[in-house]
Amino acid sequence: MDFYSILTWVLIAVFLILLLAFYAKEHKGKKEAEAGKKTREIAFDAILIAIIFVMGLIPQLGYLFVFPWLALTLLHIPVLVGASLFGAKRGLLYGFAFGLTSMIQAAMNGSGLNAFFVYPWVSILPRLLFGFLAGLAFSLLARSPKLSTGIGKGILSFLLTILHTGLVFLTLYVFYPDEIAAYFASSDTVAAGVSLTFLASILLGALGEATLAGILVPLIDKPLTKLDFERK
């Protein structure tokens, strides 16, 4: 195990410890009614994380392999829903679950570009950032009632999904610049054509992911906001 792997797993362990400490602090000294509310929120966390894992581990459900070496995802949708309901701190949790399923999928089926996701700094790190930034963005949107509508949340979900794609490829390029550049640049005519097809597939896939998020997240979010969850 190299230095980056050790460092990543240490950071993941610290993150989980801090998360448990956060939950413990939230429950300490709370009245029974407040504790019941927190218990309901934790139960919702468990359900949402279970949905993420079911989608992520069942073939062609959470990860759609359009080519053996390229997969699109639908897992950003439950992460966005959770981040919309609870904010940045819980968005980190859902992003971690998203990234973990990505790493597991890469370990089981990784080939081509997907093989890079076996490394946690590629599979988990950008999804942590995505969950955190999504929660932060939805919290800021909620401060403006005029903008915090179904249309507003749909547009924000669309933009956040594009951001997710950008974070993933930025992480890939930071850690593996030569390998990623080889996918998109070549002086050979045939290879250049393959690279163009590859790029077009990524862009169309990202547009499809973003459009689905823009439609589905507001529809799912609307009834759930009536459950009186506390945004963090």
C-alpha atoms as a PDB file:
ATOM      1  CA  MET A   1       0.000   0.000   0.000  1.00  0.00           C
ATOM      2  CA  ASP A   2       1.517   3.322  -1.064  1.00  0.00           C
ATOM      3  CA  PHE A   3       1.589   6.627   0.816  1.00  0.00           C
ATOM      4  CA  TYR A   4      -1.506   8.056  -0.885  1.00  0.00           C
ATOM      5  CA  SER A   5      -3.570   4.972   0.013  1.00  0.00           C
ATOM      6  CA  ILE A   6      -2.494   5.101   3.652  1.00  0.00           C
ATOM      7  CA  LEU A   7      -3.163   8.851   3.864  1.00  0.00           C
ATOM      8  CA  THR A   8      -6.586   8.489   2.232  1.00  0.00           C
ATOM      9  CA  TRP A   9      -7.725   5.716   4.556  1.00  0.00           C
ATOM     10  CA  VAL A  10      -6.467   7.649   7.584  1.00  0.00           C
ATOM     11  CA  LEU A  11      -8.495  10.666   6.455  1.00  0.00           C
ATOM     12  CA  ILE A  12     -11.555   8.460   5.903  1.00  0.00           C
ATOM     13  CA  ALA A  13     -11.169   7.003   9.418  1.00  0.00           C
ATOM     14  CA  VAL A  14     -10.866  10.506  10.902  1.00  0.00           C
ATOM     15  CA  PHE A  15     -13.936  11.591   8.949  1.00  0.00           C
ATOM     16  CA  LEU A  16     -15.998   8.684  10.307  1.00  0.00           C
ATOM     17  CA  ILE A  17     -14.820   9.328  13.875  1.00  0.00           C
ATOM     18  CA  LEU A  18     -15.768  13.000  13.593  1.00  0.00           C
ATOM     19  CA  LEU A  19     -19.130  12.023  12.118  1.00  0.00           C
ATOM     20  CA  LEU A  20     -19.868   9.710  15.054  1.00  0.00           C
ATOM     21  CA  ALA A  21     -18.776  12.433  17.467  1.00  0.00           C
ATOM     22  CA  PHE A  22     -21.116  14.860  15.703  1.00  0.00           C
ATOM     23  CA  TYR A  23     -24.071  12.504  16.134  1.00  0.00           C
ATOM     24  CA  ALA A  24     -23.182  11.889  19.790  1.00  0.00           C
ATOM     25  CA  LYS A  25     -22.993  15.625  20.455  1.00  0.00           C
ATOM     26  CA  GLU A  26     -26.306  16.219  18.726  1.00  0.00           C
ATOM     27  CA  HIS A  27     -28.072  13.727  20.987  1.00  0.00           C
ATOM     28  CA  LYS A  28     -26.407  14.695  24.272  1.00  0.00           C
ATOM     29  CA  GLY A  29     -28.674  16.686  26.543  1.00  0.00           C
ATOM     30  CA  LYS A  30     -31.579  16.776  24.073  1.00  0.00           C
ATOM     31  CA  LYS A  31     -35.153  16.532  25.228  1.00  0.00           C
ATOM     32  CA  GLU A  32     -37.078  13.391  24.383  1.00  0.00           C
ATOM     33  CA  ALA A  33     -38.964  15.017  21.527  1.00  0.00           C
ATOM     34  CA  GLU A  34     -35.784  16.447  20.041  1.00  0.00           C
ATOM     35  CA  ALA A  35     -34.036  13.098  20.412  1.00  0.00           C
ATOM     36  CA  GLY A  36     -36.927  11.454  18.601  1.00  0.00           C
ATOM     37  CA  LYS A  37     -36.546  13.912  15.757  1.00  0.00           C
ATOM     38  CA  LYS A  38     -32.825  13.196  15.534  1.00  0.00           C
ATOM     39  CA  THR A  39     -33.508   9.464  15.574  1.00  0.00           C
ATOM     40  CA  ARG A  40     -35.878   9.914  12.642  1.00  0.00           C
ATOM     41  CA  GLU A  41     -33.215  11.832  10.740  1.00  0.00           C
ATOM     42  CA  ILE A  42     -30.598   9.155  11.416  1.00  0.00           C
ATOM     43  CA  ALA A  43     -33.096   6.540  10.213  1.00  0.00           C
ATOM     44  CA  PHE A  44     -33.515   8.568   7.032  1.00  0.00           C
ATOM     45  CA  ASP A  45     -29.716   8.650   6.679  1.00  0.00           C
ATOM     46  CA  ALA A  46     -29.646   4.864   6.900  1.00  0.00           C
ATOM     47  CA  ILE A  47     -32.390   4.525   4.288  1.00  0.00           C
ATOM     48  CA  LEU A  48     -30.726   6.958   1.882  1.00  0.00           C
ATOM     49  CA  ILE A  49     -27.322   5.315   2.282  1.00  0.00           C
ATOM     50  CA  ALA A  50     -28.937   1.913   1.735  1.00  0.00           C
ATOM     51  CA  ILE A  51     -30.505   3.248  -1.488  1.00  0.00           C
ATOM     52  CA  ILE A  52     -27.099   4.519  -2.602  1.00  0.00           C
ATOM     53  CA  PHE A  53     -25.491   1.126  -1.970  1.00  0.00           C
ATOM     54  CA  VAL A  54     -28.314  -0.829  -3.633  1.00  0.00           C
ATOM     55  CA  MET A  55     -28.148   1.416  -6.687  1.00  0.00           C
ATOM     56  CA  GLY A  56     -24.359   1.331  -6.698  1.00  0.00           C
ATOM     57  CA  LEU A  57     -23.916  -2.427  -6.406  1.00  0.00           C
ATOM     58  CA  ILE A  58     -26.728  -3.712  -8.631  1.00  0.00           C
ATOM     59  CA  PRO A  59     -25.457  -3.861 -12.238  1.00  0.00           C
ATOM     60  CA  GLN A  60     -26.814  -1.225 -14.607  1.00  0.00           C
ATOM     61  CA  LEU A  61     -28.845   0.518 -11.918  1.00  0.00           C
ATOM     62  CA  GLY A  62     -26.641   3.128 -10.276  1.00  0.00           C
ATOM     63  CA  TYR A  63     -23.759   2.841 -12.756  1.00  0.00           C
ATOM     64  CA  LEU A  64     -24.692   2.537 -16.413  1.00  0.00           C
ATOM     65  CA  PHE A  65     -21.867   1.020 -18.441  1.00  0.00           C
ATOM     66  CA  VAL A  66     -22.429   2.575 -21.856  1.00  0.00           C
ATOM     67  CA  PHE A  67     -19.049   1.117 -22.862  1.00  0.00           C
ATOM     68  CA  PRO A  68     -16.921  -1.460 -21.005  1.00  0.00           C
ATOM     69  CA  TRP A  69     -14.455   1.339 -20.197  1.00  0.00           C
ATOM     70  CA  LEU A  70     -16.922   4.147 -19.392  1.00  0.00           C
ATOM     71  CA  ALA A  71     -19.799   4.268 -16.896  1.00  0.00           C
ATOM     72  CA  LEU A  72     -22.384   6.969 -16.282  1.00  0.00           C
ATOM     73  CA  THR A  73     -24.045   7.301 -12.893  1.00  0.00           C
ATOM     74  CA  LEU A  74     -27.391   8.036 -11.289  1.00  0.00           C
ATOM     75  CA  LEU A  75     -26.043   8.084  -7.732  1.00  0.00           C
ATOM     76  CA  HIS A  76     -25.628  11.834  -7.735  1.00  0.00           C
ATOM     77  CA  ILE A  77     -29.441  12.084  -7.475  1.00  0.00           C
ATOM     78  CA  PRO A  78     -29.864  10.625  -3.935  1.00  0.00           C
ATOM     79  CA  VAL A  79     -26.796  12.613  -2.846  1.00  0.00           C
ATOM     80  CA  LEU A  80     -28.399  15.818  -4.128  1.00  0.00           C
ATOM     81  CA  VAL A  81     -31.707  14.976  -2.444  1.00  0.00           C
ATOM     82  CA  GLY A  82     -29.981  14.367   0.890  1.00  0.00           C
ATOM     83  CA  ALA A  83     -27.843  17.481   0.570  1.00  0.00           C
ATOM     84  CA  SER A  84     -30.944  19.529  -0.249  1.00  0.00           C
ATOM     85  CA  LEU A  85     -32.704  18.299   2.878  1.00  0.00           C
ATOM     86  CA  PHE A  86     -29.850  18.418   5.382  1.00  0.00           C
ATOM     87  CA  GLY A  87     -27.071  20.662   4.110  1.00  0.00           C
ATOM     88  CA  ALA A  88     -23.306  20.372   3.817  1.00  0.00           C
ATOM     89  CA  LYS A  89     -22.404  18.188   6.802  1.00  0.00           C
ATOM     90  CA  ARG A  90     -24.740  15.386   5.836  1.00  0.00           C
ATOM     91  CA  GLY A  91     -23.899  15.951   2.191  1.00  0.00           C
ATOM     92  CA  LEU A  92     -20.384  14.793   3.103  1.00  0.00           C
ATOM     93  CA  LEU A  93     -21.846  11.544   4.442  1.00  0.00           C
ATOM     94  CA  TYR A  94     -23.870  10.835   1.302  1.00  0.00           C
ATOM     95  CA  GLY A  95     -20.936  11.794  -0.909  1.00  0.00           C
ATOM     96  CA  PHE A  96     -18.742   9.341   1.006  1.00  0.00           C
ATOM     97  CA  ALA A  97     -21.250   6.539   0.434  1.00  0.00           C
ATOM     98  CA  PHE A  98     -21.380   7.460  -3.270  1.00  0.00           C
ATOM     99  CA  GLY A  99     -17.593   7.376  -3.559  1.00  0.00           C
ATOM    100  CA  LEU A 100     -17.321   4.090  -1.678  1.00  0.00           C
ATOM    101  CA  THR A 101     -19.684   2.337  -4.090  1.00  0.00           C
ATOM    102  CA  SER A 102     -17.664   3.776  -6.972  1.00  0.00           C
ATOM    103  CA  MET A 103     -14.473   2.302  -5.541  1.00  0.00           C
ATOM    104  CA  ILE A 104     -16.142  -1.098  -5.004  1.00  0.00           C
ATOM    105  CA  GLN A 105     -17.487  -1.108  -8.559  1.00  0.00           C
ATOM    106  CA  ALA A 106     -14.035  -0.284  -9.933  1.00  0.00           C
ATOM    107  CA  ALA A 107     -12.499  -3.111  -7.906  1.00  0.00           C
ATOM    108  CA  MET A 108     -15.038  -5.559  -9.322  1.00  0.00           C
ATOM    109  CA  ASN A 109     -15.463  -4.299 -12.889  1.00  0.00           C
ATOM    110  CA  GLY A 110     -12.748  -1.720 -13.490  1.00  0.00           C
ATOM    111  CA  SER A 111     -11.361  -1.404 -16.999  1.00  0.00           C
ATOM    112  CA  GLY A 112     -10.247   1.532 -19.094  1.00  0.00           C
ATOM    113  CA  LEU A 113     -11.101   4.848 -17.455  1.00  0.00           C
ATOM    114  CA  ASN A 114     -13.176   3.110 -14.781  1.00  0.00           C
ATOM    115  CA  ALA A 115     -10.075   1.329 -13.451  1.00  0.00           C
ATOM    116  CA  PHE A 116      -8.777   4.603 -11.992  1.00  0.00           C
ATOM    117  CA  PHE A 117     -11.702   4.689  -9.555  1.00  0.00           C
ATOM    118  CA  VAL A 118     -10.242   1.832  -7.539  1.00  0.00           C
ATOM    119  CA  TYR A 119      -8.104   4.514  -5.889  1.00  0.00           C
ATOM    120  CA  PRO A 120     -10.011   6.316  -3.094  1.00  0.00           C
ATOM    121  CA  TRP A 121      -8.531   9.715  -3.977  1.00  0.00           C
ATOM    122  CA  VAL A 122     -10.274   9.388  -7.358  1.00  0.00           C
ATOM    123  CA  SER A 123     -13.504   7.665  -6.323  1.00  0.00           C
ATOM    124  CA  ILE A 124     -14.149   9.142  -2.865  1.00  0.00           C
ATOM    125  CA  LEU A 125     -12.440  12.546  -2.690  1.00  0.00           C
ATOM    126  CA  PRO A 126     -14.405  14.315  -5.487  1.00  0.00           C
ATOM    127  CA  ARG A 127     -17.678  12.813  -4.200  1.00  0.00           C
ATOM    128  CA  LEU A 128     -16.968  14.170  -0.698  1.00  0.00           C
ATOM    129  CA  LEU A 129     -16.420  17.615  -2.219  1.00  0.00           C
ATOM    130  CA  PHE A 130     -19.547  17.213  -4.337  1.00  0.00           C
ATOM    131  CA  GLY A 131     -21.737  16.308  -1.356  1.00  0.00           C
ATOM    132  CA  PHE A 132     -20.355  19.144   0.764  1.00  0.00           C
ATOM    133  CA  LEU A 133     -20.674  21.790  -1.961  1.00  0.00           C
ATOM    134  CA  ALA A 134     -24.158  20.579  -2.882  1.00  0.00           C
ATOM    135  CA  GLY A 135     -25.331  20.899   0.717  1.00  0.00           C
ATOM    136  CA  LEU A 136     -23.766  24.344   0.979  1.00  0.00           C
ATOM    137  CA  ALA A 137     -25.378  25.478  -2.267  1.00  0.00           C
ATOM    138  CA  PHE A 138     -28.846  24.231  -1.269  1.00  0.00           C
ATOM    139  CA  SER A 139     -28.499  25.902   2.153  1.00  0.00           C
ATOM    140  CA  LEU A 140     -27.708  29.206   0.470  1.00  0.00           C
ATOM    141  CA  LEU A 141     -30.619  28.733  -1.932  1.00  0.00           C
ATOM    142  CA  ALA A 142     -32.989  28.092   0.989  1.00  0.00           C
ATOM    143  CA  ARG A 143     -32.252  31.590   2.331  1.00  0.00           C
ATOM    144  CA  SER A 144     -34.075  33.077  -0.634  1.00  0.00           C
ATOM    145  CA  PRO A 145     -37.732  31.942  -0.733  1.00  0.00           C
ATOM    146  CA  LYS A 146     -38.154  33.448  -4.186  1.00  0.00           C
ATOM    147  CA  LEU A 147     -35.388  31.247  -5.590  1.00  0.00           C
ATOM    148  CA  SER A 148     -35.966  28.155  -3.441  1.00  0.00           C
ATOM    149  CA  THR A 149     -38.668  26.783  -5.698  1.00  0.00           C
ATOM    150  CA  GLY A 150     -38.931  23.617  -7.743  1.00  0.00           C
ATOM    151  CA  ILE A 151     -37.465  25.397 -10.750  1.00  0.00           C
ATOM    152  CA  GLY A 152     -34.684  26.928  -8.661  1.00  0.00           C
ATOM    153  CA  LYS A 153     -33.737  23.579  -7.147  1.00  0.00           C
ATOM    154  CA  GLY A 154     -33.901  21.953 -10.568  1.00  0.00           C
ATOM    155  CA  ILE A 155     -31.505  24.471 -12.091  1.00  0.00           C
ATOM    156  CA  LEU A 156     -29.160  24.170  -9.119  1.00  0.00           C
ATOM    157  CA  SER A 157     -29.259  20.363  -9.345  1.00  0.00           C
ATOM    158  CA  PHE A 158     -28.383  20.587 -13.037  1.00  0.00           C
ATOM    159  CA  LEU A 159     -25.411  22.856 -12.340  1.00  0.00           C
ATOM    160  CA  LEU A 160     -24.203  20.786  -9.379  1.00  0.00           C
ATOM    161  CA  THR A 161     -24.229  17.643 -11.526  1.00  0.00           C
ATOM    162  CA  ILE A 162     -22.032  19.383 -14.090  1.00  0.00           C
ATOM    163  CA  LEU A 163     -19.790  20.397 -11.188  1.00  0.00           C
ATOM    164  CA  HIS A 164     -19.613  16.755 -10.083  1.00  0.00           C
ATOM    165  CA  THR A 165     -18.397  15.679 -13.521  1.00  0.00           C
ATOM    166  CA  GLY A 166     -15.832  18.473 -13.500  1.00  0.00           C
ATOM    167  CA  LEU A 167     -14.554  17.513 -10.037  1.00  0.00           C
ATOM    168  CA  VAL A 168     -14.141  13.872 -11.056  1.00  0.00           C
ATOM    169  CA  PHE A 169     -12.151  14.668 -14.190  1.00  0.00           C
ATOM    170  CA  LEU A 170     -10.144  17.351 -12.430  1.00  0.00           C
ATOM    171  CA  THR A 171      -9.138  14.784  -9.799  1.00  0.00           C
ATOM    172  CA  LEU A 172      -8.235  12.278 -12.503  1.00  0.00           C
ATOM    173  CA  TYR A 173      -6.086  14.837 -14.279  1.00  0.00           C
ATOM    174  CA  VAL A 174      -4.358  16.011 -11.080  1.00  0.00           C
ATOM    175  CA  PHE A 175      -3.284  12.509 -10.090  1.00  0.00           C
ATOM    176  CA  TYR A 176      -2.865  10.924 -13.548  1.00  0.00           C
ATOM    177  CA  PRO A 177      -2.192  13.741 -16.057  1.00  0.00           C
ATOM    178  CA  ASP A 178      -0.298  11.655 -18.626  1.00  0.00           C
ATOM    179  CA  GLU A 179      -2.799   8.800 -18.665  1.00  0.00           C
ATOM    180  CA  ILE A 180      -5.823  11.099 -18.922  1.00  0.00           C
ATOM    181  CA  ALA A 181      -4.211  13.258 -21.590  1.00  0.00           C
ATOM    182  CA  ALA A 182      -3.657  10.112 -23.649  1.00  0.00           C
ATOM    183  CA  TYR A 183      -7.410   9.579 -23.793  1.00  0.00           C
ATOM    184  CA  PHE A 184      -8.035  12.980 -25.362  1.00  0.00           C
ATOM    185  CA  ALA A 185      -4.948  13.874 -27.416  1.00  0.00           C
ATOM    186  CA  SER A 186      -3.208  11.943 -30.174  1.00  0.00           C
ATOM    187  CA  SER A 187      -1.508  12.751 -33.459  1.00  0.00           C
ATOM    188  CA  ASP A 188      -2.718   9.485 -34.968  1.00  0.00           C
ATOM    189  CA  THR A 189      -5.868   9.943 -37.091  1.00  0.00           C
ATOM    190  CA  VAL A 190      -7.612   6.787 -35.899  1.00  0.00           C
ATOM    191  CA  ALA A 191      -6.730   7.420 -32.260  1.00  0.00           C
ATOM    192  CA  ALA A 192      -7.895  11.024 -32.580  1.00  0.00           C
ATOM    193  CA  GLY A 193     -11.255   9.780 -33.840  1.00  0.00           C
ATOM    194  CA  VAL A 194     -11.547   7.434 -30.886  1.00  0.00           C
ATOM    195  CA  SER A 195     -10.665  10.292 -28.520  1.00  0.00           C
ATOM    196  CA  LEU A 196     -13.353  12.472 -30.095  1.00  0.00           C
ATOM    197  CA  THR A 197     -15.927   9.716 -29.644  1.00  0.00           C
ATOM    198  CA  PHE A 198     -14.780   9.257 -26.067  1.00  0.00           C
ATOM    199  CA  LEU A 199     -15.103  12.987 -25.334  1.00  0.00           C
ATOM    200  CA  ALA A 200     -18.533  13.176 -27.002  1.00  0.00           C
ATOM    201  CA  SER A 201     -19.723  10.232 -24.895  1.00  0.00           C
ATOM    202  CA  ILE A 202     -18.593  11.955 -21.700  1.00  0.00           C
ATOM    203  CA  LEU A 203     -20.209  15.283 -22.606  1.00  0.00           C
ATOM    204  CA  LEU A 204     -23.511  13.699 -23.667  1.00  0.00           C
ATOM    205  CA  GLY A 205     -23.497  11.515 -20.575  1.00  0.00           C
ATOM    206  CA  ALA A 206     -22.857  14.502 -18.311  1.00  0.00           C
ATOM    207  CA  LEU A 207     -25.689  16.409 -19.993  1.00  0.00           C
ATOM    208  CA  GLY A 208     -28.021  13.433 -19.488  1.00  0.00           C
ATOM    209  CA  GLU A 209     -27.026  13.075 -15.827  1.00  0.00           C
ATOM    210  CA  ALA A 210     -27.561  16.785 -15.236  1.00  0.00           C
ATOM    211  CA  THR A 211     -30.948  16.831 -16.985  1.00  0.00           C
ATOM    212  CA  LEU A 212     -32.205  13.881 -14.941  1.00  0.00           C
ATOM    213  CA  ALA A 213     -31.046  15.568 -11.735  1.00  0.00           C
ATOM    214  CA  GLY A 214     -32.742  18.818 -12.738  1.00  0.00           C
ATOM    215  CA  ILE A 215     -36.047  16.976 -13.218  1.00  0.00           C
ATOM    216  CA  LEU A 216     -35.993  14.341 -10.473  1.00  0.00           C
ATOM    217  CA  VAL A 217     -34.414  16.118  -7.500  1.00  0.00           C
ATOM    218  CA  PRO A 218     -37.179  18.777  -7.135  1.00  0.00           C
ATOM    219  CA  LEU A 219     -39.881  16.115  -7.571  1.00  0.00           C
ATOM    220  CA  ILE A 220     -38.365  13.899  -4.856  1.00  0.00           C
ATOM    221  CA  ASP A 221     -37.406  16.796  -2.603  1.00  0.00           C
ATOM    222  CA  LYS A 222     -40.850  18.442  -2.449  1.00  0.00           C
ATOM    223  CA  PRO A 223     -42.746  15.788  -0.421  1.00  0.00           C
ATOM    224  CA  LEU A 224     -39.719  15.103   1.801  1.00  0.00           C
ATOM    225  CA  THR A 225     -39.452  18.728   2.926  1.00  0.00           C
ATOM    226  CA  LYS A 226     -42.778  18.235   4.737  1.00  0.00           C
ATOM    227  CA  LEU A 227     -41.121  15.798   7.169  1.00  0.00           C
ATOM    228  CA  ASP A 228     -39.672  18.697   9.219  1.00  0.00           C
ATOM    229  CA  PHE A 229     -36.018  17.734   9.061  1.00  0.00           C
ATOM    230  CA  GLU A 230     -33.458  20.153  10.473  1.00  0.00           C
ATOM    231  CA  ARG A 231     -30.980  21.496   7.968  1.00  0.00           C
ATOM    232  CA  LYS A 232     -27.341  21.616   9.190  1.00  0.00           C
END
